[in-house]
Amino acid sequence: MAINLELPKKLQAVVEKGHQGAAEMLRPISRKYDLAEHAYPVELDTLANLFEGLQEAKTISFAGADAFGGRNDEGKKTNVNGANMSALLNALEVSWGDVALLLSIPFQGLGNAAISSVANKEQLERFGKVWASMAITEPSFGSDSAAVSTTAILDGDEYVINGEKIFVTAGSRATHIVVWATVDKSLGRAAIKSFVVPREHPGVTVERLEHKLGIKASDTAVIRFENARIPKENLLGDPEVKTDKGFGGAMETFDNTRPIVAAMAVGIARAALEELRVILTEAGIEISYDKPAHAQSAPAAEFLRMEADWESGYLLTIRSAWQADNKIPNSKEASMGKAKAARVASDITLKAVEMAGTAGYSEQTLLEKWARDSKILDIFEGTQQIQQLVVARRLLGLSSAQLK
């Protein structure tokens, strides 16, 4: 049976709108905010208003709290038709413009995806319109989310949060923070829950902003929590600790966000390929699809290899979103897409810099910036090695305790 990979008209509109915004609003300011690290890109307020208007019209979904569906009157999770694919394609196109600026758009934070994944109906009504960052990583661990040591102790009608979080994307700009913390260390990973905490709240301190290799337009913060008291209703999802189920509820967030990060990688890799093609063509190098790679010049053959690699990353990525929209478990595929697309982006952007020579290494083009920006996509939301572990566990039917 033939498979039709052509996007429906609704999703074609998502691609066109996303690409238009990236080309007209992000590309022109891309270099400006790469050089002005930690300066807030005020131009993004206009883009955020545009996104909000489109989303309220229920025509396009973005990577915010409403992106992946909502709750019906009974509080059960529902899916907007094609919402995951819509959010993914939009992220892809906007990242073609600038991935760091995408990470800086108000109300499109990774914490918003966490709220969308596990919040109940009442919480969606309270937090559905906030701008939320997500705080997981701590000084003592990186990709091992089960090693969370930040605590949330129930005291009456409030949780008291203590701990330190590092590498919090949009941590100083977002109005709220989704904090991962344990409610009882003795119960292990099953006791890890996520909490919504206002950034400007007693006991919450933004310690510093990091200076980074790439995505300089996006702020990355270190945040300390000292006896930060929040209402117990700010715990996302079920407060009960179910030791027999691990912390799957919290990890469900990644099934939504990893395809989005993969889409960012696909977008930035496509930008580099398009720029490299222009440079090679202007240098008189012909790239033909009618002749085998070995019968063409070395640069043309290398370009065709990268393009084929990009295609595989793209197809794996959209597959994971399609599964989510069709209520098919996508944990394995989300990790496969993220692992492949992120590695492809790093490979393509670095090779594009190399093949473009001085034009690629200098600030004459955006190639060197894309090479710096792309590396984070292979690290955050779970490193390459973590994705491979997840895929291996799913394929072999082993638990995290059985395969480390």
Protein backbone atom coordinates (compact mmCIF):
# COMPACT_ATOMS: atom_id res chain seq x y z
CA MET A 1 0.00 0.00 0.00
CA ALA A 2 1.36 3.40 -0.95
CA ILE A 3 1.98 5.99 1.76
CA ASN A 4 1.03 9.59 1.06
CA LEU A 5 3.57 11.88 2.76
CA GLU A 6 2.03 15.10 1.44
CA LEU A 7 0.89 17.44 4.20
CA PRO A 8 -2.84 18.28 4.35
CA LYS A 9 -3.86 21.86 3.58
CA LYS A 10 -4.28 22.74 7.27
CA LEU A 11 -0.67 21.78 8.00
CA GLN A 12 0.60 23.44 4.83
CA ALA A 13 -0.83 26.67 6.24
CA VAL A 14 1.13 26.07 9.47
CA VAL A 15 4.35 25.68 7.47
CA GLU A 16 3.68 28.81 5.41
CA LYS A 17 2.86 30.99 8.43
CA GLY A 18 5.81 29.69 10.43
CA HIS A 19 8.23 30.18 7.56
CA GLN A 20 6.94 33.67 6.86
CA GLY A 21 7.46 34.70 10.48
CA ALA A 22 10.93 33.15 10.52
CA ALA A 23 12.00 34.84 7.30
CA GLU A 24 10.54 38.28 7.95
CA MET A 25 10.90 38.63 11.73
CA LEU A 26 13.63 36.31 13.01
CA ARG A 27 16.33 36.10 10.34
CA PRO A 28 16.75 39.91 10.22
CA ILE A 29 17.49 40.08 13.98
CA SER A 30 19.32 36.77 14.33
CA ARG A 31 22.85 38.15 14.37
CA LYS A 32 21.83 41.14 16.49
CA TYR A 33 20.79 39.04 19.48
CA ASP A 34 23.56 36.50 19.02
CA LEU A 35 25.96 39.37 19.71
CA ALA A 36 23.78 40.91 22.45
CA GLU A 37 23.65 37.94 24.80
CA HIS A 38 21.09 38.23 27.65
CA ALA A 39 19.30 41.15 25.97
CA TYR A 40 15.59 40.38 25.61
CA PRO A 41 14.46 40.43 21.94
CA VAL A 42 11.56 42.86 22.22
CA GLU A 43 10.56 42.10 18.64
CA LEU A 44 9.32 38.72 19.85
CA ASP A 45 6.37 40.31 21.65
CA THR A 46 4.78 40.96 18.26
CA LEU A 47 5.35 37.37 17.18
CA ALA A 48 3.90 36.07 20.46
CA ASN A 49 0.73 38.12 19.94
CA LEU A 50 0.44 36.74 16.41
CA PHE A 51 0.82 33.17 17.66
CA GLU A 52 -1.77 33.72 20.40
CA GLY A 53 -4.31 35.05 17.92
CA LEU A 54 -3.80 32.13 15.57
CA GLN A 55 -4.00 29.59 18.38
CA GLU A 56 -7.22 31.07 19.78
CA ALA A 57 -8.71 30.63 16.33
CA LYS A 58 -8.02 26.86 16.73
CA THR A 59 -6.31 26.74 13.35
CA ILE A 60 -2.67 26.29 14.38
CA SER A 61 -1.06 24.77 17.47
CA PHE A 62 2.24 25.87 18.94
CA ALA A 63 4.54 24.47 21.64
CA GLY A 64 2.68 26.12 24.50
CA ALA A 65 0.28 24.85 27.14
CA ASP A 66 -2.57 24.52 24.63
CA ALA A 67 -0.43 22.89 21.94
CA PHE A 68 -1.08 19.24 22.63
CA GLY A 69 -4.75 19.29 23.53
CA GLY A 70 -6.76 20.03 26.64
CA ARG A 71 -9.43 18.52 28.90
CA ASN A 72 -13.10 17.91 28.33
CA ASP A 73 -15.87 18.64 30.82
CA GLU A 74 -15.12 15.39 32.65
CA GLY A 75 -11.47 16.37 32.98
CA LYS A 76 -10.27 13.70 30.56
CA LYS A 77 -7.44 14.50 28.19
CA THR A 78 -8.44 15.39 24.64
CA ASN A 79 -6.47 16.02 21.48
CA VAL A 80 -6.88 18.89 19.05
CA ASN A 81 -6.85 17.33 15.59
CA GLY A 82 -3.24 17.32 14.38
CA ALA A 83 -2.06 19.42 17.32
CA ASN A 84 1.27 17.65 17.84
CA MET A 85 2.11 17.72 14.15
CA SER A 86 1.09 21.36 13.92
CA ALA A 87 3.27 22.36 16.88
CA LEU A 88 6.17 20.34 15.47
CA LEU A 89 6.00 21.83 11.98
CA ASN A 90 5.76 25.33 13.40
CA ALA A 91 8.86 24.72 15.56
CA LEU A 92 10.70 23.39 12.51
CA GLU A 93 9.98 26.45 10.41
CA VAL A 94 10.66 28.99 13.16
CA SER A 95 13.96 27.23 13.96
CA TRP A 96 14.90 27.63 10.31
CA GLY A 97 14.84 31.31 11.19
CA ASP A 98 16.57 31.13 14.59
CA VAL A 99 16.34 28.39 17.20
CA ALA A 100 17.49 30.65 20.05
CA LEU A 101 14.76 33.16 19.29
CA LEU A 102 12.20 30.35 19.18
CA LEU A 103 13.25 29.42 22.72
CA SER A 104 12.67 33.04 23.73
CA ILE A 105 9.13 33.49 22.41
CA PRO A 106 6.76 34.24 25.32
CA PHE A 107 4.29 31.49 26.30
CA GLN A 108 6.07 28.85 24.18
CA GLY A 109 8.37 27.55 26.95
CA LEU A 110 9.18 23.91 27.67
CA GLY A 111 7.36 24.30 30.97
CA ASN A 112 4.20 25.05 29.00
CA ALA A 113 4.51 21.65 27.34
CA ALA A 114 4.84 20.08 30.80
CA ILE A 115 1.66 21.81 31.93
CA SER A 116 -0.12 20.60 28.82
CA SER A 117 1.04 17.03 29.43
CA VAL A 118 0.04 16.43 33.04
CA ALA A 119 -2.14 19.29 34.33
CA ASN A 120 -5.76 18.64 35.24
CA LYS A 121 -8.64 20.77 33.94
CA GLU A 122 -8.56 23.24 36.84
CA GLN A 123 -4.79 23.67 36.51
CA LEU A 124 -5.05 24.27 32.78
CA GLU A 125 -7.50 27.07 33.49
CA ARG A 126 -5.08 28.64 35.99
CA PHE A 127 -1.79 28.05 34.19
CA GLY A 128 -2.80 27.71 30.55
CA LYS A 129 -1.90 31.31 29.76
CA VAL A 130 1.34 31.70 31.72
CA TRP A 131 4.88 31.64 30.31
CA ALA A 132 6.59 28.68 31.98
CA SER A 133 10.20 27.50 31.91
CA MET A 134 11.12 23.99 33.04
CA ALA A 135 13.65 23.31 35.82
CA ILE A 136 14.99 19.76 36.00
CA THR A 137 18.80 19.71 35.89
CA GLU A 138 20.77 20.19 39.11
CA PRO A 139 24.47 20.65 39.91
CA SER A 140 24.73 16.96 40.86
CA PHE A 141 23.19 15.46 37.71
CA GLY A 142 22.40 16.13 34.08
CA SER A 143 20.41 13.62 32.02
CA ASP A 144 19.40 11.29 34.85
CA SER A 145 16.07 12.87 35.74
CA ALA A 146 15.51 10.25 38.44
CA ALA A 147 18.38 11.76 40.46
CA VAL A 148 16.38 14.87 41.41
CA SER A 149 17.36 16.01 44.92
CA THR A 150 15.27 19.19 45.15
CA THR A 151 12.61 18.53 47.77
CA ALA A 152 8.96 19.51 48.08
CA ILE A 153 7.68 18.79 51.58
CA LEU A 154 3.97 19.06 52.30
CA ASP A 155 3.29 21.40 55.24
CA GLY A 156 -0.43 21.86 55.78
CA ASP A 157 -1.94 23.19 52.56
CA GLU A 158 1.45 24.15 51.07
CA TYR A 159 4.53 22.48 49.64
CA VAL A 160 7.88 23.87 50.80
CA ILE A 161 10.47 23.64 48.02
CA ASN A 162 14.23 23.64 48.60
CA GLY A 163 17.00 23.06 46.07
CA GLU A 164 18.96 24.49 43.16
CA LYS A 165 18.30 24.15 39.43
CA ILE A 166 20.76 24.92 36.64
CA PHE A 167 20.50 25.44 32.88
CA VAL A 168 16.89 26.62 33.08
CA THR A 169 15.95 27.85 29.60
CA ALA A 170 14.08 31.20 29.78
CA GLY A 171 14.49 30.97 33.55
CA SER A 172 14.82 34.72 34.10
CA ARG A 173 12.17 35.72 31.55
CA ALA A 174 9.31 33.28 32.08
CA THR A 175 6.69 34.26 34.63
CA HIS A 176 6.48 30.74 36.08
CA ILE A 177 8.77 27.75 36.55
CA VAL A 178 7.81 24.08 36.36
CA VAL A 179 10.07 22.56 39.02
CA TRP A 180 10.81 18.86 39.33
CA ALA A 181 11.18 17.86 42.99
CA THR A 182 10.81 14.79 45.19
CA VAL A 183 8.07 14.65 47.80
CA ASP A 184 9.79 11.76 49.62
CA LYS A 185 13.40 10.72 48.90
CA SER A 186 12.88 7.34 50.53
CA LEU A 187 10.33 6.36 47.87
CA GLY A 188 12.74 6.85 44.94
CA ARG A 189 11.84 8.02 41.46
CA ALA A 190 8.10 7.44 41.96
CA ALA A 191 8.05 10.39 44.38
CA ILE A 192 9.28 12.88 41.79
CA LYS A 193 6.57 15.37 40.90
CA SER A 194 6.42 18.65 38.99
CA PHE A 195 5.25 21.91 40.57
CA VAL A 196 4.30 25.29 39.11
CA VAL A 197 6.14 28.08 40.94
CA PRO A 198 5.89 31.81 40.13
CA ARG A 199 9.33 33.18 39.31
CA GLU A 200 8.78 36.33 41.37
CA HIS A 201 7.89 34.50 44.57
CA PRO A 202 9.35 34.54 48.11
CA GLY A 203 12.18 32.04 48.31
CA VAL A 204 12.85 31.98 44.54
CA THR A 205 16.12 33.59 43.41
CA VAL A 206 17.65 33.80 39.94
CA GLU A 207 21.31 33.41 40.87
CA ARG A 208 22.90 34.14 37.50
CA LEU A 209 22.64 33.83 33.73
CA GLU A 210 25.04 31.51 31.92
CA HIS A 211 27.39 32.53 29.10
CA LYS A 212 27.11 29.86 26.43
CA LEU A 213 28.59 28.54 23.20
CA GLY A 214 25.33 29.01 21.30
CA ILE A 215 21.65 29.97 21.54
CA LYS A 216 22.83 33.26 23.03
CA ALA A 217 19.49 34.98 22.37
CA SER A 218 17.92 32.56 24.86
CA ASP A 219 18.68 33.18 28.53
CA THR A 220 19.80 30.18 30.60
CA ALA A 221 19.50 30.65 34.35
CA VAL A 222 20.58 29.17 37.66
CA ILE A 223 17.66 29.31 40.11
CA ARG A 224 17.71 28.66 43.85
CA PHE A 225 14.69 27.70 45.96
CA GLU A 226 14.87 28.38 49.70
CA ASN A 227 11.74 27.48 51.63
CA ALA A 228 9.58 28.56 48.70
CA ARG A 229 6.00 27.86 49.78
CA ILE A 230 3.36 27.18 47.14
CA PRO A 231 -0.26 25.95 47.38
CA LYS A 232 -0.54 22.18 47.24
CA GLU A 233 -2.82 22.65 44.22
CA ASN A 234 0.26 23.72 42.24
CA LEU A 235 1.48 20.11 42.07
CA LEU A 236 0.78 19.04 38.49
CA GLY A 237 -1.25 15.89 38.04
CA ASP A 238 -1.85 13.23 40.67
CA PRO A 239 -0.27 13.97 44.08
CA GLU A 240 -0.39 10.30 45.09
CA VAL A 241 2.96 8.46 44.99
CA LYS A 242 2.49 5.18 43.10
CA THR A 243 5.66 3.17 43.58
CA ASP A 244 4.49 0.47 41.18
CA LYS A 245 4.33 2.93 38.25
CA GLY A 246 7.60 4.81 38.68
CA PHE A 247 7.42 8.43 37.57
CA GLY A 248 5.88 7.88 34.17
CA GLY A 249 3.53 10.83 34.61
CA ALA A 250 6.40 13.27 34.91
CA MET A 251 8.33 11.59 32.10
CA GLU A 252 5.29 11.86 29.81
CA THR A 253 6.38 15.46 29.31
CA PHE A 254 9.33 14.29 27.21
CA ASP A 255 7.10 12.39 24.80
CA ASN A 256 5.72 15.80 23.81
CA THR A 257 8.87 17.92 24.02
CA ARG A 258 11.44 15.61 22.42
CA PRO A 259 9.73 15.70 19.00
CA ILE A 260 9.68 19.50 19.28
CA VAL A 261 13.43 19.59 19.99
CA ALA A 262 13.97 17.18 17.09
CA ALA A 263 12.00 19.58 14.89
CA MET A 264 14.30 22.42 15.98
CA ALA A 265 17.25 20.32 14.83
CA VAL A 266 15.60 19.53 11.51
CA GLY A 267 14.89 23.23 10.95
CA ILE A 268 18.39 24.47 11.67
CA ALA A 269 19.93 21.69 9.58
CA ARG A 270 17.73 22.61 6.62
CA ALA A 271 18.78 26.25 6.95
CA ALA A 272 22.44 25.20 6.75
CA LEU A 273 21.82 22.94 3.76
CA GLU A 274 20.03 25.69 1.85
CA GLU A 275 22.80 28.21 2.54
CA LEU A 276 25.49 25.69 1.57
CA ARG A 277 23.71 24.90 -1.68
CA VAL A 278 23.77 28.59 -2.62
CA ILE A 279 27.49 28.84 -1.84
CA LEU A 280 28.34 25.69 -3.82
CA THR A 281 26.22 26.76 -6.78
CA GLU A 282 27.88 30.18 -6.86
CA ALA A 283 31.25 28.39 -6.85
CA GLY A 284 30.23 26.50 -9.98
CA ILE A 285 29.60 23.14 -8.32
CA GLU A 286 26.71 21.21 -9.88
CA ILE A 287 24.53 19.04 -7.66
CA SER A 288 22.63 16.52 -9.78
CA TYR A 289 19.89 14.09 -8.83
CA ASP A 290 20.18 12.30 -12.17
CA LYS A 291 23.68 10.93 -11.58
CA PRO A 292 24.96 8.70 -8.76
CA ALA A 293 27.01 10.41 -6.08
CA HIS A 294 30.25 8.67 -7.12
CA ALA A 295 29.94 10.20 -10.60
CA GLN A 296 29.84 13.75 -9.21
CA SER A 297 32.36 16.05 -7.58
CA ALA A 298 33.33 15.41 -3.97
CA PRO A 299 31.43 18.48 -2.64
CA ALA A 300 28.29 17.46 -4.56
CA ALA A 301 28.51 13.89 -3.27
CA GLU A 302 28.95 15.11 0.28
CA PHE A 303 25.97 17.44 -0.06
CA LEU A 304 23.78 14.58 -1.30
CA ARG A 305 24.88 12.44 1.67
CA MET A 306 23.94 15.19 4.13
CA GLU A 307 20.62 15.79 2.41
CA ALA A 308 19.74 12.09 2.63
CA ASP A 309 20.71 12.07 6.31
CA TRP A 310 18.52 15.12 6.87
CA GLU A 311 15.57 13.37 5.20
CA SER A 312 15.82 10.40 7.56
CA GLY A 313 15.89 12.71 10.61
CA TYR A 314 12.87 14.61 9.29
CA LEU A 315 10.81 11.47 8.66
CA LEU A 316 11.58 9.99 12.09
CA THR A 317 10.62 13.28 13.70
CA ILE A 318 7.24 13.71 12.02
CA ARG A 319 6.44 10.05 12.67
CA SER A 320 6.63 10.61 16.43
CA ALA A 321 4.20 13.53 16.19
CA TRP A 322 1.83 11.55 13.97
CA GLN A 323 1.75 8.77 16.56
CA ALA A 324 0.95 11.22 19.36
CA ASP A 325 -1.91 12.71 17.36
CA ASN A 326 -3.29 9.22 16.72
CA LYS A 327 -2.97 8.20 20.40
CA ILE A 328 -0.22 5.68 19.65
CA PRO A 329 2.48 5.46 22.37
CA ASN A 330 5.49 7.31 20.96
CA SER A 331 8.15 7.18 23.68
CA LYS A 332 10.52 5.06 21.58
CA GLU A 333 9.91 7.02 18.40
CA ALA A 334 10.23 10.38 20.18
CA SER A 335 13.69 9.34 21.37
CA MET A 336 14.62 7.90 17.97
CA GLY A 337 13.65 11.14 16.22
CA LYS A 338 15.42 13.30 18.78
CA ALA A 339 18.61 11.21 18.68
CA LYS A 340 18.78 11.11 14.90
CA ALA A 341 17.72 14.69 14.15
CA ALA A 342 20.00 16.22 16.77
CA ARG A 343 23.03 14.29 15.55
CA VAL A 344 22.18 15.15 11.94
CA ALA A 345 21.91 18.86 12.78
CA SER A 346 25.30 18.90 14.47
CA ASP A 347 26.91 16.99 11.59
CA ILE A 348 25.34 19.09 8.83
CA THR A 349 25.99 22.51 10.37
CA LEU A 350 29.63 21.70 11.15
CA LYS A 351 30.23 20.17 7.71
CA ALA A 352 28.59 23.22 6.10
CA VAL A 353 31.04 25.49 7.92
CA GLU A 354 33.92 23.32 6.70
CA MET A 355 32.76 23.17 3.09
CA ALA A 356 32.02 26.90 2.92
CA GLY A 357 35.57 27.70 4.05
CA THR A 358 36.21 31.26 5.17
CA ALA A 359 32.60 32.23 4.40
CA GLY A 360 31.42 29.56 6.80
CA TYR A 361 33.87 30.27 9.59
CA SER A 362 33.44 34.05 9.57
CA GLU A 363 30.33 36.08 10.40
CA GLN A 364 29.82 36.68 6.69
CA THR A 365 26.99 34.14 6.83
CA LEU A 366 25.01 32.58 9.69
CA LEU A 367 26.62 29.16 9.17
CA GLU A 368 29.02 29.45 12.12
CA LYS A 369 26.16 30.58 14.36
CA TRP A 370 24.00 27.64 13.34
CA ALA A 371 26.89 25.28 14.08
CA ARG A 372 27.18 26.73 17.60
CA ASP A 373 23.42 26.74 18.16
CA SER A 374 22.87 23.18 16.97
CA LYS A 375 25.02 21.46 19.61
CA ILE A 376 22.58 22.15 22.45
CA LEU A 377 19.89 20.21 20.58
CA ASP A 378 21.98 17.06 21.06
CA ILE A 379 22.23 17.75 24.79
CA PHE A 380 19.09 19.19 26.35
CA GLU A 381 15.86 17.18 26.70
CA GLY A 382 18.13 14.16 27.15
CA THR A 383 21.55 13.62 25.59
CA GLN A 384 22.28 11.39 22.61
CA GLN A 385 23.27 8.59 24.98
CA ILE A 386 20.05 8.88 27.00
CA GLN A 387 17.95 8.66 23.82
CA GLN A 388 19.81 5.52 22.78
CA LEU A 389 19.15 4.02 26.21
CA VAL A 390 15.44 4.78 25.96
CA VAL A 391 15.24 3.21 22.50
CA ALA A 392 17.17 0.12 23.63
CA ARG A 393 14.92 -0.36 26.66
CA ARG A 394 11.80 -0.13 24.52
CA LEU A 395 13.13 -2.53 21.91
CA LEU A 396 14.36 -5.09 24.46
CA GLY A 397 11.47 -4.69 26.86
CA LEU A 398 13.80 -3.88 29.78
CA SER A 399 13.32 -1.43 32.63
CA SER A 400 15.69 1.38 33.52
CA ALA A 401 16.95 -0.74 36.43
CA GLN A 402 17.73 -3.64 34.08
CA LEU A 403 19.51 -1.56 31.42
CA LYS A 404 21.58 1.42 32.53
